[in-house]
């Protein structure tokens, strides 16, 4: 049996800081988007990704990968967005097995309306307290952590 490698004091402090960010930042962003745009953060994330895609269209599998979500979770969100008229699903003309998600004009208007408040919240909560070196370091550290998570998806 492998010996537990306990966190030292510095690692414990860093972990608790990261865990607090993981718990509190999504709740703050969720609250802002729900209050100002009546949507969930993940819904906004999906709409924003579609708004940046060529033709405002992506295969569901590509969209799931970009959104860091399972296809099942994405499918449920797409269904909710379809009910609101913000997204439609279409068959892929190049691959009968694939389905496309398409941002509608109404969905585009929602993203455009929600983006300023969301960006303001992200800037206020994350970037206003950082200098350029901090931003570079944040991106570097998050990239390293994400590489480890992708390499060991089950923990």
C-alpha atoms as a PDB file:
ATOM      1  CA  UNK A   1       0.000   0.000   0.000  1.00  0.00           C
ATOM      2  CA  UNK A   2       1.279   3.426  -0.959  1.00  0.00           C
ATOM      3  CA  UNK A   3       2.188   5.872   1.809  1.00  0.00           C
ATOM      4  CA  UNK A   4       0.048   9.044   1.870  1.00  0.00           C
ATOM      5  CA  UNK A   5       2.007  12.099   0.769  1.00  0.00           C
ATOM      6  CA  UNK A   6       0.494  14.725   3.098  1.00  0.00           C
ATOM      7  CA  UNK A   7       0.539  18.372   2.088  1.00  0.00           C
ATOM      8  CA  UNK A   8       3.137  20.522   3.790  1.00  0.00           C
ATOM      9  CA  UNK A   9       2.094  23.851   5.312  1.00  0.00           C
ATOM     10  CA  UNK A  10       2.758  25.864   2.134  1.00  0.00           C
ATOM     11  CA  UNK A  11       0.911  23.348  -0.034  1.00  0.00           C
ATOM     12  CA  UNK A  12      -1.986  23.223   2.435  1.00  0.00           C
ATOM     13  CA  UNK A  13      -2.265  27.025   2.376  1.00  0.00           C
ATOM     14  CA  UNK A  14      -2.110  27.142  -1.446  1.00  0.00           C
ATOM     15  CA  UNK A  15      -4.665  24.332  -1.730  1.00  0.00           C
ATOM     16  CA  UNK A  16      -7.108  26.056   0.592  1.00  0.00           C
ATOM     17  CA  UNK A  17      -6.770  29.295  -1.359  1.00  0.00           C
ATOM     18  CA  UNK A  18      -7.381  27.459  -4.650  1.00  0.00           C
ATOM     19  CA  UNK A  19     -10.297  25.511  -3.181  1.00  0.00           C
ATOM     20  CA  UNK A  20     -11.865  28.766  -1.986  1.00  0.00           C
ATOM     21  CA  UNK A  21     -11.550  30.215  -5.506  1.00  0.00           C
ATOM     22  CA  UNK A  22     -13.019  27.026  -7.005  1.00  0.00           C
ATOM     23  CA  UNK A  23     -16.025  27.307  -4.702  1.00  0.00           C
ATOM     24  CA  UNK A  24     -16.611  31.054  -4.476  1.00  0.00           C
ATOM     25  CA  UNK A  25     -15.804  32.392  -7.962  1.00  0.00           C
ATOM     26  CA  UNK A  26     -18.320  30.213  -9.841  1.00  0.00           C
ATOM     27  CA  UNK A  27     -21.027  31.126  -7.326  1.00  0.00           C
ATOM     28  CA  UNK A  28     -20.296  34.838  -7.769  1.00  0.00           C
ATOM     29  CA  UNK A  29     -20.334  34.586 -11.583  1.00  0.00           C
ATOM     30  CA  UNK A  30     -23.483  32.450 -11.490  1.00  0.00           C
ATOM     31  CA  UNK A  31     -25.195  35.019  -9.290  1.00  0.00           C
ATOM     32  CA  UNK A  32     -24.286  37.923 -11.562  1.00  0.00           C
ATOM     33  CA  UNK A  33     -25.496  36.166 -14.710  1.00  0.00           C
ATOM     34  CA  UNK A  34     -28.690  34.938 -13.102  1.00  0.00           C
ATOM     35  CA  UNK A  35     -29.480  38.385 -11.695  1.00  0.00           C
ATOM     36  CA  UNK A  36     -28.602  40.373 -14.828  1.00  0.00           C
ATOM     37  CA  UNK A  37     -29.358  37.966 -17.692  1.00  0.00           C
ATOM     38  CA  UNK A  38     -31.584  35.227 -16.215  1.00  0.00           C
ATOM     39  CA  UNK A  39     -29.193  32.492 -17.320  1.00  0.00           C
ATOM     40  CA  UNK A  40     -26.746  30.093 -15.755  1.00  0.00           C
ATOM     41  CA  UNK A  41     -23.001  30.540 -16.157  1.00  0.00           C
ATOM     42  CA  UNK A  42     -22.668  27.333 -18.183  1.00  0.00           C
ATOM     43  CA  UNK A  43     -25.481  28.460 -20.495  1.00  0.00           C
ATOM     44  CA  UNK A  44     -23.655  31.744 -21.063  1.00  0.00           C
ATOM     45  CA  UNK A  45     -20.421  29.838 -21.645  1.00  0.00           C
ATOM     46  CA  UNK A  46     -22.070  27.700 -24.356  1.00  0.00           C
ATOM     47  CA  UNK A  47     -23.684  30.728 -26.014  1.00  0.00           C
ATOM     48  CA  UNK A  48     -20.388  32.618 -25.955  1.00  0.00           C
ATOM     49  CA  UNK A  49     -18.510  29.700 -27.525  1.00  0.00           C
ATOM     50  CA  UNK A  50     -21.109  29.461 -30.279  1.00  0.00           C
ATOM     51  CA  UNK A  51     -20.992  33.238 -30.821  1.00  0.00           C
ATOM     52  CA  UNK A  52     -17.254  32.981 -31.541  1.00  0.00           C
ATOM     53  CA  UNK A  53     -17.509  29.966 -33.883  1.00  0.00           C
ATOM     54  CA  UNK A  54     -17.556  30.345 -37.666  1.00  0.00           C
ATOM     55  CA  UNK A  55     -21.184  30.718 -38.719  1.00  0.00           C
ATOM     56  CA  UNK A  56     -22.088  30.589 -35.016  1.00  0.00           C
ATOM     57  CA  UNK A  57     -22.137  26.813 -35.457  1.00  0.00           C
ATOM     58  CA  UNK A  58     -20.242  23.904 -33.871  1.00  0.00           C
ATOM     59  CA  UNK A  59     -20.599  20.148 -33.766  1.00  0.00           C
ATOM     60  CA  UNK A  60     -21.942  19.122 -30.373  1.00  0.00           C
ATOM     61  CA  UNK A  61     -18.804  17.037 -29.784  1.00  0.00           C
ATOM     62  CA  UNK A  62     -16.565  20.050 -30.511  1.00  0.00           C
ATOM     63  CA  UNK A  63     -18.711  22.310 -28.362  1.00  0.00           C
ATOM     64  CA  UNK A  64     -18.538  19.829 -25.470  1.00  0.00           C
ATOM     65  CA  UNK A  65     -14.746  19.713 -25.760  1.00  0.00           C
ATOM     66  CA  UNK A  66     -14.453  23.529 -25.865  1.00  0.00           C
ATOM     67  CA  UNK A  67     -16.840  23.846 -22.924  1.00  0.00           C
ATOM     68  CA  UNK A  68     -14.969  21.215 -20.880  1.00  0.00           C
ATOM     69  CA  UNK A  69     -18.236  19.318 -20.476  1.00  0.00           C
ATOM     70  CA  UNK A  70     -19.571  15.861 -21.132  1.00  0.00           C
ATOM     71  CA  UNK A  71     -21.749  15.414 -24.184  1.00  0.00           C
ATOM     72  CA  UNK A  72     -24.602  14.457 -21.850  1.00  0.00           C
ATOM     73  CA  UNK A  73     -24.368  17.671 -19.810  1.00  0.00           C
ATOM     74  CA  UNK A  74     -24.076  19.749 -22.960  1.00  0.00           C
ATOM     75  CA  UNK A  75     -27.106  18.042 -24.503  1.00  0.00           C
ATOM     76  CA  UNK A  76     -29.250  18.970 -21.495  1.00  0.00           C
ATOM     77  CA  UNK A  77     -28.121  22.589 -21.693  1.00  0.00           C
ATOM     78  CA  UNK A  78     -28.691  22.723 -25.446  1.00  0.00           C
ATOM     79  CA  UNK A  79     -32.245  21.463 -24.858  1.00  0.00           C
ATOM     80  CA  UNK A  80     -32.891  24.327 -22.409  1.00  0.00           C
ATOM     81  CA  UNK A  81     -31.370  26.846 -24.818  1.00  0.00           C
ATOM     82  CA  UNK A  82     -33.524  25.452 -27.642  1.00  0.00           C
ATOM     83  CA  UNK A  83     -36.655  25.919 -25.525  1.00  0.00           C
ATOM     84  CA  UNK A  84     -35.731  29.602 -25.164  1.00  0.00           C
ATOM     85  CA  UNK A  85     -35.133  29.925 -28.902  1.00  0.00           C
ATOM     86  CA  UNK A  86     -31.440  30.743 -28.447  1.00  0.00           C
ATOM     87  CA  UNK A  87     -29.979  27.640 -30.121  1.00  0.00           C
ATOM     88  CA  UNK A  88     -31.134  25.147 -32.727  1.00  0.00           C
ATOM     89  CA  UNK A  89     -29.819  21.686 -33.559  1.00  0.00           C
ATOM     90  CA  UNK A  90     -29.213  20.656 -37.132  1.00  0.00           C
ATOM     91  CA  UNK A  91     -27.919  17.551 -38.831  1.00  0.00           C
ATOM     92  CA  UNK A  92     -24.358  17.893 -40.038  1.00  0.00           C
ATOM     93  CA  UNK A  93     -24.309  17.890 -43.867  1.00  0.00           C
ATOM     94  CA  UNK A  94     -20.835  16.291 -43.917  1.00  0.00           C
ATOM     95  CA  UNK A  95     -21.471  13.568 -41.325  1.00  0.00           C
ATOM     96  CA  UNK A  96     -24.893  12.030 -40.739  1.00  0.00           C
ATOM     97  CA  UNK A  97     -23.764  10.855 -37.276  1.00  0.00           C
ATOM     98  CA  UNK A  98     -22.953  14.381 -36.091  1.00  0.00           C
ATOM     99  CA  UNK A  99     -25.285  17.086 -34.839  1.00  0.00           C
ATOM    100  CA  UNK A 100     -24.615  20.810 -35.062  1.00  0.00           C
ATOM    101  CA  UNK A 101     -25.537  23.454 -32.510  1.00  0.00           C
ATOM    102  CA  UNK A 102     -26.393  26.782 -34.118  1.00  0.00           C
ATOM    103  CA  UNK A 103     -26.732  30.076 -32.270  1.00  0.00           C
ATOM    104  CA  UNK A 104     -29.944  31.817 -33.359  1.00  0.00           C
ATOM    105  CA  UNK A 105     -30.295  35.568 -33.782  1.00  0.00           C
ATOM    106  CA  UNK A 106     -32.184  35.637 -30.462  1.00  0.00           C
ATOM    107  CA  UNK A 107     -29.300  33.744 -28.834  1.00  0.00           C
ATOM    108  CA  UNK A 108     -26.819  36.194 -30.317  1.00  0.00           C
ATOM    109  CA  UNK A 109     -28.814  39.070 -28.844  1.00  0.00           C
ATOM    110  CA  UNK A 110     -28.732  37.357 -25.425  1.00  0.00           C
ATOM    111  CA  UNK A 111     -24.946  36.971 -25.548  1.00  0.00           C
ATOM    112  CA  UNK A 112     -24.490  40.572 -26.658  1.00  0.00           C
ATOM    113  CA  UNK A 113     -26.762  41.780 -23.852  1.00  0.00           C
ATOM    114  CA  UNK A 114     -25.168  39.586 -21.154  1.00  0.00           C
ATOM    115  CA  UNK A 115     -21.505  40.020 -22.118  1.00  0.00           C
ATOM    116  CA  UNK A 116     -20.830  43.505 -20.678  1.00  0.00           C
ATOM    117  CA  UNK A 117     -22.079  42.594 -17.203  1.00  0.00           C
ATOM    118  CA  UNK A 118     -20.277  39.264 -17.252  1.00  0.00           C
ATOM    119  CA  UNK A 119     -16.987  40.787 -18.402  1.00  0.00           C
ATOM    120  CA  UNK A 120     -17.335  43.476 -15.746  1.00  0.00           C
ATOM    121  CA  UNK A 121     -17.790  40.795 -13.069  1.00  0.00           C
ATOM    122  CA  UNK A 122     -14.801  38.776 -14.325  1.00  0.00           C
ATOM    123  CA  UNK A 123     -12.648  41.897 -14.462  1.00  0.00           C
ATOM    124  CA  UNK A 124     -13.743  43.055 -10.989  1.00  0.00           C
ATOM    125  CA  UNK A 125     -13.445  39.645  -9.326  1.00  0.00           C
ATOM    126  CA  UNK A 126     -10.295  38.380 -11.054  1.00  0.00           C
ATOM    127  CA  UNK A 127      -8.231  40.794 -13.098  1.00  0.00           C
ATOM    128  CA  UNK A 128      -8.515  44.165 -11.358  1.00  0.00           C
ATOM    129  CA  UNK A 129      -6.413  42.815  -8.476  1.00  0.00           C
ATOM    130  CA  UNK A 130      -3.653  41.488 -10.739  1.00  0.00           C
ATOM    131  CA  UNK A 131      -0.821  43.099 -12.663  1.00  0.00           C
ATOM    132  CA  UNK A 132       0.398  41.875 -16.080  1.00  0.00           C
ATOM    133  CA  UNK A 133       2.925  39.487 -14.531  1.00  0.00           C
ATOM    134  CA  UNK A 134       0.206  38.042 -12.285  1.00  0.00           C
ATOM    135  CA  UNK A 135      -2.048  37.439 -15.297  1.00  0.00           C
ATOM    136  CA  UNK A 136       0.772  35.647 -17.115  1.00  0.00           C
ATOM    137  CA  UNK A 137       1.521  33.563 -14.017  1.00  0.00           C
ATOM    138  CA  UNK A 138      -2.172  32.766 -13.472  1.00  0.00           C
ATOM    139  CA  UNK A 139      -2.464  31.479 -17.041  1.00  0.00           C
ATOM    140  CA  UNK A 140       0.724  29.431 -16.656  1.00  0.00           C
ATOM    141  CA  UNK A 141      -0.352  27.857 -13.372  1.00  0.00           C
ATOM    142  CA  UNK A 142      -3.882  27.108 -14.549  1.00  0.00           C
ATOM    143  CA  UNK A 143      -2.437  25.523 -17.698  1.00  0.00           C
ATOM    144  CA  UNK A 144      -0.219  23.255 -15.623  1.00  0.00           C
ATOM    145  CA  UNK A 145      -3.125  22.227 -13.395  1.00  0.00           C
ATOM    146  CA  UNK A 146      -5.403  21.604 -16.395  1.00  0.00           C
ATOM    147  CA  UNK A 147      -2.725  19.454 -18.053  1.00  0.00           C
ATOM    148  CA  UNK A 148      -2.661  17.258 -14.913  1.00  0.00           C
ATOM    149  CA  UNK A 149      -6.463  17.106 -14.751  1.00  0.00           C
ATOM    150  CA  UNK A 150      -6.675  16.102 -18.432  1.00  0.00           C
ATOM    151  CA  UNK A 151      -3.988  13.468 -17.883  1.00  0.00           C
ATOM    152  CA  UNK A 152      -5.860  12.010 -14.874  1.00  0.00           C
ATOM    153  CA  UNK A 153      -9.585  12.735 -15.499  1.00  0.00           C
ATOM    154  CA  UNK A 154     -10.799  10.375 -12.779  1.00  0.00           C
ATOM    155  CA  UNK A 155      -8.605  11.912 -10.078  1.00  0.00           C
END
